[in-house]
């Protein structure tokens, strides 16, 4: 497969192998945009360890686990809980819900959210060095 050089946040005109796309980068918590659907980005990321507590005020955040296992801690009005997503599982964090993704081992995920959405949300704790505060990077 040739490298994808489509502009960020544009639909692609060829099939994309998620396996090859994931093999094209090594950084964790630094998503790559694989395509766009209407005004939404489809992003993939390699994750390991903790992200950061954050909240998206105006959008839900969809997660699909491609490999590994993802835990998402949630702070809800009734208290804190953690959702565990094994390979193949999906979960949507509702807008306005403070959450913190965590991967106990190297994991690959697919995220679906509006173009321009910052990975650390609208409000967040201090961002550690291993977390990329970005709206996504082009897949090359």
C-alpha atoms as a PDB file:
ATOM      1  CA  UNK A   1       0.000   0.000   0.000  1.00  0.00           C
ATOM      2  CA  UNK A   2       1.322   3.430  -0.911  1.00  0.00           C
ATOM      3  CA  UNK A   3       1.588   6.050   1.840  1.00  0.00           C
ATOM      4  CA  UNK A   4      -1.569   8.068   2.252  1.00  0.00           C
ATOM      5  CA  UNK A   5      -0.984  11.714   1.465  1.00  0.00           C
ATOM      6  CA  UNK A   6      -4.574  12.945   1.582  1.00  0.00           C
ATOM      7  CA  UNK A   7      -5.162  16.216   3.475  1.00  0.00           C
ATOM      8  CA  UNK A   8      -6.110  15.868   7.126  1.00  0.00           C
ATOM      9  CA  UNK A   9      -9.859  15.465   7.726  1.00  0.00           C
ATOM     10  CA  UNK A  10     -10.738  14.468   4.160  1.00  0.00           C
ATOM     11  CA  UNK A  11     -12.338  11.212   3.051  1.00  0.00           C
ATOM     12  CA  UNK A  12      -9.809   8.901   1.417  1.00  0.00           C
ATOM     13  CA  UNK A  13     -10.346   7.412  -2.021  1.00  0.00           C
ATOM     14  CA  UNK A  14      -8.745   4.036  -1.331  1.00  0.00           C
ATOM     15  CA  UNK A  15      -9.038   1.246   1.198  1.00  0.00           C
ATOM     16  CA  UNK A  16      -6.965   1.720   4.326  1.00  0.00           C
ATOM     17  CA  UNK A  17      -5.466  -1.182   6.225  1.00  0.00           C
ATOM     18  CA  UNK A  18      -5.706  -0.272   9.905  1.00  0.00           C
ATOM     19  CA  UNK A  19      -2.966  -2.814  10.627  1.00  0.00           C
ATOM     20  CA  UNK A  20      -0.571  -1.058   8.230  1.00  0.00           C
ATOM     21  CA  UNK A  21      -1.668   2.370   9.425  1.00  0.00           C
ATOM     22  CA  UNK A  22      -0.911   1.412  13.027  1.00  0.00           C
ATOM     23  CA  UNK A  23       2.481   0.032  11.967  1.00  0.00           C
ATOM     24  CA  UNK A  24       3.376   3.409  10.408  1.00  0.00           C
ATOM     25  CA  UNK A  25       3.988   5.173  13.747  1.00  0.00           C
ATOM     26  CA  UNK A  26       5.262   4.372  17.236  1.00  0.00           C
ATOM     27  CA  UNK A  27       4.120   7.271  19.429  1.00  0.00           C
ATOM     28  CA  UNK A  28       1.517   6.575  22.100  1.00  0.00           C
ATOM     29  CA  UNK A  29      -1.409   8.845  22.927  1.00  0.00           C
ATOM     30  CA  UNK A  30      -0.808  10.639  19.595  1.00  0.00           C
ATOM     31  CA  UNK A  31      -3.704   9.832  17.238  1.00  0.00           C
ATOM     32  CA  UNK A  32      -3.508   9.644  13.451  1.00  0.00           C
ATOM     33  CA  UNK A  33      -6.459  10.644  11.284  1.00  0.00           C
ATOM     34  CA  UNK A  34      -7.240   7.812   8.866  1.00  0.00           C
ATOM     35  CA  UNK A  35     -10.295   9.354   7.197  1.00  0.00           C
ATOM     36  CA  UNK A  36     -13.208  11.728   7.709  1.00  0.00           C
ATOM     37  CA  UNK A  37     -16.947  11.106   7.739  1.00  0.00           C
ATOM     38  CA  UNK A  38     -18.931  14.305   7.261  1.00  0.00           C
ATOM     39  CA  UNK A  39     -17.579  16.616   9.988  1.00  0.00           C
ATOM     40  CA  UNK A  40     -15.987  13.809  12.021  1.00  0.00           C
ATOM     41  CA  UNK A  41     -12.464  12.394  12.126  1.00  0.00           C
ATOM     42  CA  UNK A  42     -11.788   8.689  12.349  1.00  0.00           C
ATOM     43  CA  UNK A  43      -8.573   8.454  14.341  1.00  0.00           C
ATOM     44  CA  UNK A  44      -6.394   5.563  15.412  1.00  0.00           C
ATOM     45  CA  UNK A  45      -3.961   5.608  18.289  1.00  0.00           C
ATOM     46  CA  UNK A  46      -1.548   3.420  20.165  1.00  0.00           C
ATOM     47  CA  UNK A  47      -2.037   3.808  23.894  1.00  0.00           C
ATOM     48  CA  UNK A  48      -0.225   2.537  26.964  1.00  0.00           C
ATOM     49  CA  UNK A  49      -0.494   3.682  30.570  1.00  0.00           C
ATOM     50  CA  UNK A  50      -2.569   6.653  31.681  1.00  0.00           C
ATOM     51  CA  UNK A  51      -3.969   9.543  29.673  1.00  0.00           C
ATOM     52  CA  UNK A  52      -5.290  12.552  31.623  1.00  0.00           C
ATOM     53  CA  UNK A  53      -8.584  13.408  33.310  1.00  0.00           C
ATOM     54  CA  UNK A  54     -10.466  15.575  30.824  1.00  0.00           C
ATOM     55  CA  UNK A  55     -13.920  16.526  29.568  1.00  0.00           C
ATOM     56  CA  UNK A  56     -15.377  17.397  26.178  1.00  0.00           C
ATOM     57  CA  UNK A  57     -18.115  19.974  26.791  1.00  0.00           C
ATOM     58  CA  UNK A  58     -19.850  19.746  23.404  1.00  0.00           C
ATOM     59  CA  UNK A  59     -19.240  16.284  21.973  1.00  0.00           C
ATOM     60  CA  UNK A  60     -19.454  12.611  22.787  1.00  0.00           C
ATOM     61  CA  UNK A  61     -16.303  10.520  22.278  1.00  0.00           C
ATOM     62  CA  UNK A  62     -16.526   7.057  20.659  1.00  0.00           C
ATOM     63  CA  UNK A  63     -13.903   4.366  21.350  1.00  0.00           C
ATOM     64  CA  UNK A  64     -13.363   1.001  19.597  1.00  0.00           C
ATOM     65  CA  UNK A  65     -10.598  -1.281  20.872  1.00  0.00           C
ATOM     66  CA  UNK A  66      -8.695  -2.827  17.956  1.00  0.00           C
ATOM     67  CA  UNK A  67      -6.052  -4.663  20.016  1.00  0.00           C
ATOM     68  CA  UNK A  68      -5.454  -4.993  23.742  1.00  0.00           C
ATOM     69  CA  UNK A  69      -7.700  -3.622  26.482  1.00  0.00           C
ATOM     70  CA  UNK A  70      -8.758  -0.090  27.375  1.00  0.00           C
ATOM     71  CA  UNK A  71     -10.091   1.083  30.723  1.00  0.00           C
ATOM     72  CA  UNK A  72     -12.021   4.348  30.904  1.00  0.00           C
ATOM     73  CA  UNK A  73     -12.519   5.885  34.339  1.00  0.00           C
ATOM     74  CA  UNK A  74     -15.613   8.073  34.510  1.00  0.00           C
ATOM     75  CA  UNK A  75     -16.679  10.728  37.017  1.00  0.00           C
ATOM     76  CA  UNK A  76     -20.464  10.777  36.920  1.00  0.00           C
ATOM     77  CA  UNK A  77     -23.063  12.399  39.194  1.00  0.00           C
ATOM     78  CA  UNK A  78     -23.586   9.055  40.987  1.00  0.00           C
ATOM     79  CA  UNK A  79     -19.817   8.619  41.539  1.00  0.00           C
ATOM     80  CA  UNK A  80     -16.754   7.200  39.820  1.00  0.00           C
ATOM     81  CA  UNK A  81     -16.722   3.975  37.845  1.00  0.00           C
ATOM     82  CA  UNK A  82     -14.466   2.291  35.300  1.00  0.00           C
ATOM     83  CA  UNK A  83     -15.577   0.725  32.039  1.00  0.00           C
ATOM     84  CA  UNK A  84     -13.301  -2.063  30.744  1.00  0.00           C
ATOM     85  CA  UNK A  85     -13.203  -2.536  26.977  1.00  0.00           C
ATOM     86  CA  UNK A  86     -11.587  -5.730  25.634  1.00  0.00           C
ATOM     87  CA  UNK A  87     -10.624  -6.130  21.970  1.00  0.00           C
ATOM     88  CA  UNK A  88     -13.636  -5.536  19.753  1.00  0.00           C
ATOM     89  CA  UNK A  89     -15.621  -3.572  22.359  1.00  0.00           C
ATOM     90  CA  UNK A  90     -17.031  -0.085  21.843  1.00  0.00           C
ATOM     91  CA  UNK A  91     -18.024   2.637  24.281  1.00  0.00           C
ATOM     92  CA  UNK A  92     -19.181   6.224  23.960  1.00  0.00           C
ATOM     93  CA  UNK A  93     -18.266   8.736  26.659  1.00  0.00           C
ATOM     94  CA  UNK A  94     -21.162  11.218  26.820  1.00  0.00           C
ATOM     95  CA  UNK A  95     -20.370  14.901  26.361  1.00  0.00           C
ATOM     96  CA  UNK A  96     -19.735  16.676  29.636  1.00  0.00           C
ATOM     97  CA  UNK A  97     -18.492  13.512  31.382  1.00  0.00           C
ATOM     98  CA  UNK A  98     -15.039  13.765  32.929  1.00  0.00           C
ATOM     99  CA  UNK A  99     -13.037  10.695  31.942  1.00  0.00           C
ATOM    100  CA  UNK A 100      -9.534   9.241  31.934  1.00  0.00           C
ATOM    101  CA  UNK A 101      -8.523   6.454  29.537  1.00  0.00           C
ATOM    102  CA  UNK A 102      -5.938   3.937  30.746  1.00  0.00           C
ATOM    103  CA  UNK A 103      -4.323   0.968  29.011  1.00  0.00           C
ATOM    104  CA  UNK A 104      -2.654  -1.590  31.298  1.00  0.00           C
ATOM    105  CA  UNK A 105      -0.622  -2.885  28.307  1.00  0.00           C
ATOM    106  CA  UNK A 106       0.016  -1.638  24.760  1.00  0.00           C
ATOM    107  CA  UNK A 107      -3.357  -1.206  23.071  1.00  0.00           C
ATOM    108  CA  UNK A 108      -4.656   0.080  19.724  1.00  0.00           C
ATOM    109  CA  UNK A 109      -7.879   2.074  19.528  1.00  0.00           C
ATOM    110  CA  UNK A 110     -10.089   3.794  16.980  1.00  0.00           C
ATOM    111  CA  UNK A 111     -11.737   7.075  18.015  1.00  0.00           C
ATOM    112  CA  UNK A 112     -14.586   8.877  16.267  1.00  0.00           C
ATOM    113  CA  UNK A 113     -15.162  12.542  17.097  1.00  0.00           C
ATOM    114  CA  UNK A 114     -15.767  15.920  15.432  1.00  0.00           C
ATOM    115  CA  UNK A 115     -12.903  17.315  13.353  1.00  0.00           C
ATOM    116  CA  UNK A 116     -10.802  19.672  15.446  1.00  0.00           C
ATOM    117  CA  UNK A 117     -11.573  18.015  18.785  1.00  0.00           C
ATOM    118  CA  UNK A 118      -8.567  18.283  21.101  1.00  0.00           C
ATOM    119  CA  UNK A 119      -7.381  14.970  22.593  1.00  0.00           C
ATOM    120  CA  UNK A 120      -7.301  16.507  26.074  1.00  0.00           C
ATOM    121  CA  UNK A 121     -10.786  17.983  25.827  1.00  0.00           C
ATOM    122  CA  UNK A 122     -12.021  21.422  26.770  1.00  0.00           C
ATOM    123  CA  UNK A 123     -10.890  21.110  30.402  1.00  0.00           C
ATOM    124  CA  UNK A 124      -8.146  18.837  31.706  1.00  0.00           C
ATOM    125  CA  UNK A 125      -5.581  18.122  34.392  1.00  0.00           C
ATOM    126  CA  UNK A 126      -1.948  18.946  33.711  1.00  0.00           C
ATOM    127  CA  UNK A 127      -0.892  17.159  30.529  1.00  0.00           C
ATOM    128  CA  UNK A 128       2.050  14.765  31.064  1.00  0.00           C
ATOM    129  CA  UNK A 129       4.883  14.609  28.524  1.00  0.00           C
ATOM    130  CA  UNK A 130       3.735  11.240  27.126  1.00  0.00           C
ATOM    131  CA  UNK A 131       0.315  12.631  26.090  1.00  0.00           C
ATOM    132  CA  UNK A 132       0.087  14.558  22.814  1.00  0.00           C
ATOM    133  CA  UNK A 133      -2.419  17.424  23.126  1.00  0.00           C
ATOM    134  CA  UNK A 134      -3.480  17.515  19.476  1.00  0.00           C
ATOM    135  CA  UNK A 135      -6.443  17.497  17.125  1.00  0.00           C
ATOM    136  CA  UNK A 136      -4.818  14.523  15.379  1.00  0.00           C
ATOM    137  CA  UNK A 137      -1.976  14.061  12.909  1.00  0.00           C
ATOM    138  CA  UNK A 138      -2.179  13.181   9.245  1.00  0.00           C
ATOM    139  CA  UNK A 139      -1.486   9.561   8.437  1.00  0.00           C
ATOM    140  CA  UNK A 140       1.537   9.374   6.135  1.00  0.00           C
END
